[in-house]
Amino acid sequence: MKKVKWGVLSTAKIGIQKVIPGMMKCENLEVVGIASRQIGSAQTAADALGIARAYGSYEALLEDETIDAIYNPLPNHLHVPWTIKALQAGKHVLCEKPIALHAEEAKLLQQTAAQFPKLKLMEAFMYRHQPQWKYAHQKIKDGSIGKLRNIQSIFSYYNDDPQNIRNKADIGGGGLMDIGCYNISLSRWLFGKQPTKVSAQIEFDPVMQTDRLASAILDFSVDGLPATSVFTCSTQMVPFQRATILGTTGAIEIEIPFNVPADKPSRLWVYTAKGKEEVSFDAVDQYTLQGTSFSQSILDDSPVYTSIDDAVENMQVLDAIFASAKNQQWVKL
């Protein structure tokens, strides 16, 4: 079986601890290289993970003609620049979310990607590959809970370390960029379209200047029928996550919507006129599913699961939420 050969840009924690170990369980890919700005860091990571080659610069990895695809888990402000460089080097790219710092930058990446139609590009929203989400998505599509009217979701953790990369405002830190993008993404995916307008409230950390608590309403109403998504995300609240999906005749509640453990079964509950049904899913690594899906798109030359167009639209909603909070009014998209 042909395998896609992968290289990783940086020794970022998410890659080392979650994504790379998950990808290494894929049958259709092989992680063959990892790069850091310091060869020592790259070599340490390579040794720990069993990766064949270490590079002392990102450029050196991109110059390796044996590497087919790149995983980019760099800090948010480096997502677009290095994804563009990878595309220009002839590599397919799986880029961590959020795809960019704002919609205009995402559009620049979209335009650049269009110049390389043979290369695959995808934003790494791993949750969409998880069986529980595919199940929920299908239940909505087939009308099992009636017409979708409301989604409520929350995602939070506590991290007030000013040295942590997620708390550096000048390079794209803050709760909305780090985790709120999930709340937005799932809402757009389930409704199957963009919201028409958004309203938001944001609290910023007085020292770090990053958003530490954000709540938003996304209006998906159509033909006079109200339909909304309401979410809260925070980087300075108790660690918690949950998603509830409500239709006209039923509802779906997802216990762990985002950071699903790879070694434990996941579950959700479906509420209908028949009562409450618990649905369990076998333990699976969603990073393995994501890596397998993207690599198969490369091998088959088929569309990726989440398009760059979807990534741009997610950034447009993020931008609108920041604008709404700043101007204290609804913002139309």
Protein backbone atom coordinates (compact mmCIF):
# COMPACT_ATOMS: atom_id res chain seq x y z
CA MET A 1 0.00 0.00 0.00
CA LYS A 2 1.34 3.40 -0.97
CA LYS A 3 1.85 5.73 1.98
CA VAL A 4 1.96 9.52 2.07
CA LYS A 5 5.23 10.72 3.58
CA TRP A 6 4.71 13.50 6.11
CA GLY A 7 6.87 16.20 7.67
CA VAL A 8 5.97 18.30 10.71
CA LEU A 9 6.78 22.01 11.06
CA SER A 10 7.78 22.62 14.71
CA THR A 11 7.78 20.65 17.92
CA ALA A 12 4.54 22.25 19.16
CA LYS A 13 2.91 20.54 22.14
CA ILE A 14 -0.31 19.71 20.27
CA GLY A 15 1.71 17.91 17.63
CA ILE A 16 4.05 16.05 19.96
CA GLN A 17 1.41 14.92 22.43
CA LYS A 18 -1.70 14.46 20.30
CA VAL A 19 -1.54 14.75 16.53
CA ILE A 20 1.70 12.96 15.62
CA PRO A 21 1.04 9.93 17.88
CA GLY A 22 -2.42 9.71 16.34
CA MET A 23 -1.09 9.99 12.79
CA MET A 24 1.47 7.28 13.42
CA LYS A 25 -1.40 4.82 13.79
CA CYS A 26 -2.61 5.56 10.24
CA GLU A 27 -2.06 2.83 7.66
CA ASN A 28 -1.82 5.16 4.68
CA LEU A 29 0.84 7.58 5.92
CA GLU A 30 4.28 7.73 7.47
CA VAL A 31 5.68 10.62 9.50
CA VAL A 32 9.28 10.77 8.31
CA GLY A 33 10.52 14.19 9.42
CA ILE A 34 10.14 16.93 12.01
CA ALA A 35 11.66 20.41 12.03
CA SER A 36 12.49 23.04 14.63
CA ARG A 37 14.45 26.27 14.58
CA GLN A 38 16.96 24.41 16.74
CA ILE A 39 18.24 21.03 15.59
CA GLY A 40 18.48 19.85 19.20
CA SER A 41 14.76 20.30 19.78
CA ALA A 42 13.93 18.58 16.51
CA GLN A 43 16.23 15.66 17.26
CA THR A 44 14.83 15.22 20.77
CA ALA A 45 11.29 15.09 19.40
CA ALA A 46 12.32 12.76 16.58
CA ASP A 47 13.99 10.37 19.02
CA ALA A 48 11.01 10.40 21.39
CA LEU A 49 8.49 9.73 18.63
CA GLY A 50 10.55 7.43 16.45
CA ILE A 51 10.71 9.83 13.49
CA ALA A 52 13.53 9.12 11.06
CA ARG A 53 14.75 12.63 10.24
CA ALA A 54 15.21 15.87 12.18
CA TYR A 55 15.76 19.28 10.58
CA GLY A 56 17.29 22.41 12.11
CA SER A 57 15.04 24.73 10.11
CA TYR A 58 11.59 24.69 8.54
CA GLU A 59 13.17 25.55 5.20
CA ALA A 60 15.29 22.40 5.26
CA LEU A 61 12.23 20.22 5.74
CA LEU A 62 10.38 21.92 2.89
CA GLU A 63 13.38 21.37 0.62
CA ASP A 64 13.23 17.61 1.18
CA GLU A 65 11.71 16.27 -2.04
CA THR A 66 10.83 12.93 -0.45
CA ILE A 67 8.20 14.57 1.78
CA ASP A 68 4.70 14.74 0.28
CA ALA A 69 2.68 16.52 2.96
CA ILE A 70 3.18 18.94 5.83
CA TYR A 71 1.44 19.24 9.17
CA ASN A 72 1.61 22.86 10.38
CA PRO A 73 1.02 23.32 14.14
CA LEU A 74 2.98 26.57 14.36
CA PRO A 75 1.65 29.54 16.39
CA ASN A 76 -1.40 31.16 14.83
CA HIS A 77 0.44 34.08 13.23
CA LEU A 78 2.64 31.62 11.31
CA HIS A 79 -0.15 29.45 9.91
CA VAL A 80 -0.62 31.33 6.65
CA PRO A 81 3.02 32.30 5.92
CA TRP A 82 4.39 28.79 6.34
CA THR A 83 1.41 27.08 4.74
CA ILE A 84 1.98 29.24 1.67
CA LYS A 85 5.69 28.36 1.69
CA ALA A 86 4.81 24.68 1.94
CA LEU A 87 2.41 24.92 -1.00
CA GLN A 88 5.05 26.74 -3.02
CA ALA A 89 7.44 23.90 -2.18
CA GLY A 90 4.96 21.44 -3.69
CA LYS A 91 3.63 20.02 -0.41
CA HIS A 92 0.07 19.20 0.63
CA VAL A 93 -0.78 20.91 3.94
CA LEU A 94 -2.84 20.07 7.00
CA CYS A 95 -2.83 23.33 8.98
CA GLU A 96 -3.93 23.71 12.58
CA LYS A 97 -6.91 25.87 13.38
CA PRO A 98 -7.56 28.72 13.20
CA ILE A 99 -6.38 28.82 9.60
CA ALA A 100 -5.39 32.50 9.88
CA LEU A 101 -5.44 35.60 12.08
CA HIS A 102 -8.41 37.11 10.22
CA ALA A 103 -10.53 36.58 7.13
CA GLU A 104 -8.41 38.69 4.79
CA GLU A 105 -5.35 36.61 5.59
CA ALA A 106 -7.39 33.45 5.09
CA LYS A 107 -8.48 34.74 1.68
CA LEU A 108 -4.83 35.29 0.75
CA LEU A 109 -4.19 31.63 1.53
CA GLN A 110 -7.29 30.65 -0.42
CA GLN A 111 -6.04 32.59 -3.46
CA THR A 112 -2.60 31.07 -3.17
CA ALA A 113 -4.00 27.54 -2.86
CA ALA A 114 -5.98 28.10 -6.07
CA GLN A 115 -2.64 28.41 -7.88
CA PHE A 116 -1.81 24.83 -6.86
CA PRO A 117 -4.94 22.82 -7.77
CA LYS A 118 -3.13 19.49 -7.45
CA LEU A 119 -2.22 20.15 -3.81
CA LYS A 120 -4.55 19.45 -0.89
CA LEU A 121 -5.09 21.98 1.90
CA MET A 122 -7.25 21.50 4.98
CA GLU A 123 -7.85 23.16 8.34
CA ALA A 124 -7.36 20.65 11.17
CA PHE A 125 -10.80 20.55 12.78
CA MET A 126 -10.32 16.99 13.98
CA TYR A 127 -13.71 16.78 15.73
CA ARG A 128 -15.54 16.51 12.39
CA HIS A 129 -13.93 13.12 11.80
CA GLN A 130 -15.14 11.71 15.13
CA PRO A 131 -17.94 9.09 14.77
CA GLN A 132 -20.16 10.82 17.36
CA TRP A 133 -20.18 14.01 15.30
CA LYS A 134 -20.79 12.19 12.02
CA TYR A 135 -23.71 10.46 13.73
CA ALA A 136 -25.15 13.75 15.04
CA HIS A 137 -24.66 15.43 11.67
CA GLN A 138 -26.52 12.62 9.91
CA LYS A 139 -29.37 12.69 12.45
CA ILE A 140 -29.91 16.36 11.68
CA LYS A 141 -29.75 15.80 7.91
CA ASP A 142 -32.29 12.97 7.97
CA GLY A 143 -34.75 14.92 10.15
CA SER A 144 -34.54 12.67 13.20
CA ILE A 145 -34.92 15.68 15.52
CA GLY A 146 -37.13 17.69 13.21
CA LYS A 147 -36.02 21.08 11.97
CA LEU A 148 -32.83 22.36 13.59
CA ARG A 149 -33.62 25.44 15.67
CA ASN A 150 -30.90 25.93 18.29
CA ILE A 151 -27.38 24.85 19.23
CA GLN A 152 -25.88 25.54 22.64
CA SER A 153 -22.21 24.84 23.24
CA ILE A 154 -19.53 25.65 25.77
CA PHE A 155 -15.77 25.12 25.77
CA SER A 156 -13.51 26.32 28.56
CA TYR A 157 -10.25 25.73 30.40
CA TYR A 158 -8.12 27.66 32.89
CA ASN A 159 -4.76 29.09 31.80
CA ASP A 160 -3.60 32.49 33.07
CA ASP A 161 0.12 32.00 32.36
CA PRO A 162 1.31 35.12 30.50
CA GLN A 163 4.18 33.15 28.96
CA ASN A 164 1.88 30.59 27.38
CA ILE A 165 1.56 31.05 23.64
CA ARG A 166 -2.24 30.97 23.89
CA ASN A 167 -2.09 34.12 26.03
CA LYS A 168 -0.03 36.29 23.68
CA ALA A 169 -2.36 38.72 21.96
CA ASP A 170 0.11 39.89 19.30
CA ILE A 171 0.45 36.43 17.75
CA GLY A 172 -3.20 35.41 17.71
CA GLY A 173 -3.78 34.26 21.27
CA GLY A 174 -7.06 34.32 23.16
CA GLY A 175 -10.04 32.08 23.70
CA LEU A 176 -11.95 32.71 20.49
CA MET A 177 -8.98 31.89 18.28
CA ASP A 178 -7.99 28.86 20.33
CA ILE A 179 -11.31 27.21 21.17
CA GLY A 180 -14.21 29.49 20.17
CA CYS A 181 -13.43 28.60 16.57
CA TYR A 182 -14.77 25.10 17.38
CA ASN A 183 -18.10 26.49 18.60
CA ILE A 184 -18.40 28.50 15.40
CA SER A 185 -17.32 25.64 13.17
CA LEU A 186 -19.78 23.10 14.57
CA SER A 187 -22.64 25.62 14.29
CA ARG A 188 -21.94 26.37 10.64
CA TRP A 189 -21.45 22.67 9.86
CA LEU A 190 -24.70 21.54 11.45
CA PHE A 191 -26.80 24.36 9.99
CA GLY A 192 -25.03 23.92 6.66
CA LYS A 193 -24.58 27.64 6.03
CA GLN A 194 -23.23 30.93 7.32
CA PRO A 195 -25.11 32.90 10.00
CA THR A 196 -26.72 36.08 8.72
CA LYS A 197 -25.60 38.15 11.70
CA VAL A 198 -23.88 37.82 15.09
CA SER A 199 -23.95 39.50 18.48
CA ALA A 200 -21.23 39.09 21.09
CA GLN A 201 -19.86 40.12 24.46
CA ILE A 202 -16.14 39.72 25.19
CA GLU A 203 -14.11 40.21 28.36
CA PHE A 204 -10.39 40.83 27.89
CA ASP A 205 -7.65 40.05 30.37
CA PRO A 206 -6.45 43.45 31.68
CA VAL A 207 -2.79 42.39 31.59
CA MET A 208 -2.46 40.03 28.64
CA GLN A 209 -5.12 41.76 26.49
CA THR A 210 -6.41 38.42 25.22
CA ASP A 211 -10.10 37.55 25.24
CA ARG A 212 -10.65 35.35 28.28
CA LEU A 213 -14.45 35.08 28.22
CA ALA A 214 -16.63 35.39 25.14
CA SER A 215 -20.31 34.68 24.54
CA ALA A 216 -22.00 35.00 21.18
CA ILE A 217 -25.29 34.49 19.37
CA LEU A 218 -25.14 33.39 15.74
CA ASP A 219 -28.38 34.00 13.83
CA PHE A 220 -29.15 31.31 11.24
CA SER A 221 -32.78 32.33 10.80
CA VAL A 222 -34.37 31.84 7.41
CA ASP A 223 -37.82 32.75 6.03
CA GLY A 224 -38.86 34.23 9.35
CA LEU A 225 -38.17 31.02 11.29
CA PRO A 226 -35.79 31.73 14.20
CA ALA A 227 -32.70 29.52 14.37
CA THR A 228 -29.68 30.32 16.51
CA SER A 229 -26.44 29.04 17.93
CA VAL A 230 -25.41 30.34 21.35
CA PHE A 231 -21.98 29.63 22.76
CA THR A 232 -19.49 30.59 25.46
CA CYS A 233 -15.77 29.99 25.43
CA SER A 234 -13.23 30.91 28.10
CA THR A 235 -9.56 30.50 28.92
CA GLN A 236 -10.09 31.38 32.59
CA MET A 237 -13.00 29.21 33.71
CA VAL A 238 -13.31 25.68 35.00
CA PRO A 239 -12.39 23.13 32.29
CA PHE A 240 -15.70 22.07 30.74
CA GLN A 241 -17.26 21.29 27.38
CA ARG A 242 -20.70 20.26 26.18
CA ALA A 243 -22.88 20.63 23.09
CA THR A 244 -26.67 20.47 22.92
CA ILE A 245 -28.53 20.44 19.60
CA LEU A 246 -32.26 21.16 19.63
CA GLY A 247 -34.78 20.57 16.87
CA THR A 248 -38.54 20.87 16.62
CA THR A 249 -39.14 17.21 17.57
CA GLY A 250 -35.97 16.11 19.35
CA ALA A 251 -32.54 16.94 20.69
CA ILE A 252 -28.98 15.61 20.81
CA GLU A 253 -26.58 16.15 23.71
CA ILE A 254 -22.87 15.41 23.23
CA GLU A 255 -20.95 14.74 26.41
CA ILE A 256 -17.39 15.49 25.23
CA PRO A 257 -17.67 17.31 21.91
CA PHE A 258 -14.06 18.32 21.30
CA ASN A 259 -11.24 16.71 23.30
CA VAL A 260 -12.55 13.18 23.01
CA PRO A 261 -10.15 10.74 24.76
CA ALA A 262 -8.55 8.32 22.32
CA ASP A 263 -8.68 5.44 24.79
CA LYS A 264 -12.23 5.70 26.04
CA PRO A 265 -15.65 5.25 24.39
CA SER A 266 -17.61 8.43 23.70
CA ARG A 267 -21.34 8.88 24.08
CA LEU A 268 -24.23 11.14 23.28
CA TRP A 269 -27.93 11.16 24.07
CA VAL A 270 -30.80 11.49 21.62
CA TYR A 271 -34.12 12.83 22.96
CA THR A 272 -37.29 12.20 20.96
CA ALA A 273 -40.95 11.47 21.66
CA LYS A 274 -39.86 7.87 22.29
CA GLY A 275 -37.71 8.97 25.20
CA LYS A 276 -33.99 9.23 25.89
CA GLU A 277 -31.56 6.99 24.01
CA GLU A 278 -27.87 6.72 24.89
CA VAL A 279 -25.59 6.04 21.93
CA SER A 280 -22.02 4.88 22.58
CA PHE A 281 -19.08 4.84 20.19
CA ASP A 282 -15.98 2.70 20.44
CA ALA A 283 -12.76 4.37 21.51
CA VAL A 284 -10.98 5.87 18.54
CA ASP A 285 -8.26 8.48 18.02
CA GLN A 286 -9.78 11.38 16.10
CA TYR A 287 -6.30 12.49 15.02
CA THR A 288 -5.82 9.10 13.40
CA LEU A 289 -9.12 9.52 11.57
CA GLN A 290 -8.14 13.01 10.44
CA GLY A 291 -4.72 11.90 9.20
CA THR A 292 -6.19 8.92 7.39
CA SER A 293 -8.86 11.04 5.71
CA PHE A 294 -6.47 13.74 4.52
CA SER A 295 -3.87 11.24 3.31
CA GLN A 296 -6.51 9.29 1.39
CA SER A 297 -7.58 12.51 -0.33
CA ILE A 298 -3.99 12.88 -1.49
CA LEU A 299 -3.75 9.27 -2.69
CA ASP A 300 -7.12 9.35 -4.46
CA ASP A 301 -6.88 12.97 -5.59
CA SER A 302 -10.30 13.51 -4.03
CA PRO A 303 -11.70 16.54 -2.16
CA VAL A 304 -10.61 17.02 1.46
CA TYR A 305 -13.19 16.69 4.21
CA THR A 306 -13.12 20.40 5.13
CA SER A 307 -12.40 22.87 2.32
CA ILE A 308 -10.38 26.08 2.40
CA ASP A 309 -13.63 27.89 1.55
CA ASP A 310 -15.08 26.60 4.82
CA ALA A 311 -11.98 27.84 6.66
CA VAL A 312 -12.37 31.34 5.21
CA GLU A 313 -16.03 31.44 6.21
CA ASN A 314 -15.16 30.42 9.77
CA MET A 315 -12.71 33.31 9.99
CA GLN A 316 -15.36 35.70 8.67
CA VAL A 317 -17.61 34.77 11.59
CA LEU A 318 -14.73 35.16 14.04
CA ASP A 319 -14.04 38.64 12.68
CA ALA A 320 -17.72 39.56 12.96
CA ILE A 321 -17.84 38.42 16.59
CA PHE A 322 -14.89 40.64 17.52
CA ALA A 323 -16.50 43.56 15.66
CA SER A 324 -19.83 43.04 17.41
CA ALA A 325 -18.24 43.05 20.86
CA LYS A 326 -16.23 46.17 20.03
CA ASN A 327 -19.18 48.13 18.65
CA GLN A 328 -21.81 46.66 21.00
CA GLN A 329 -24.22 45.86 18.19
CA TRP A 330 -25.30 43.11 15.80
CA VAL A 331 -22.94 42.65 12.87
CA LYS A 332 -24.21 41.32 9.56
CA LEU A 333 -22.21 38.90 7.46
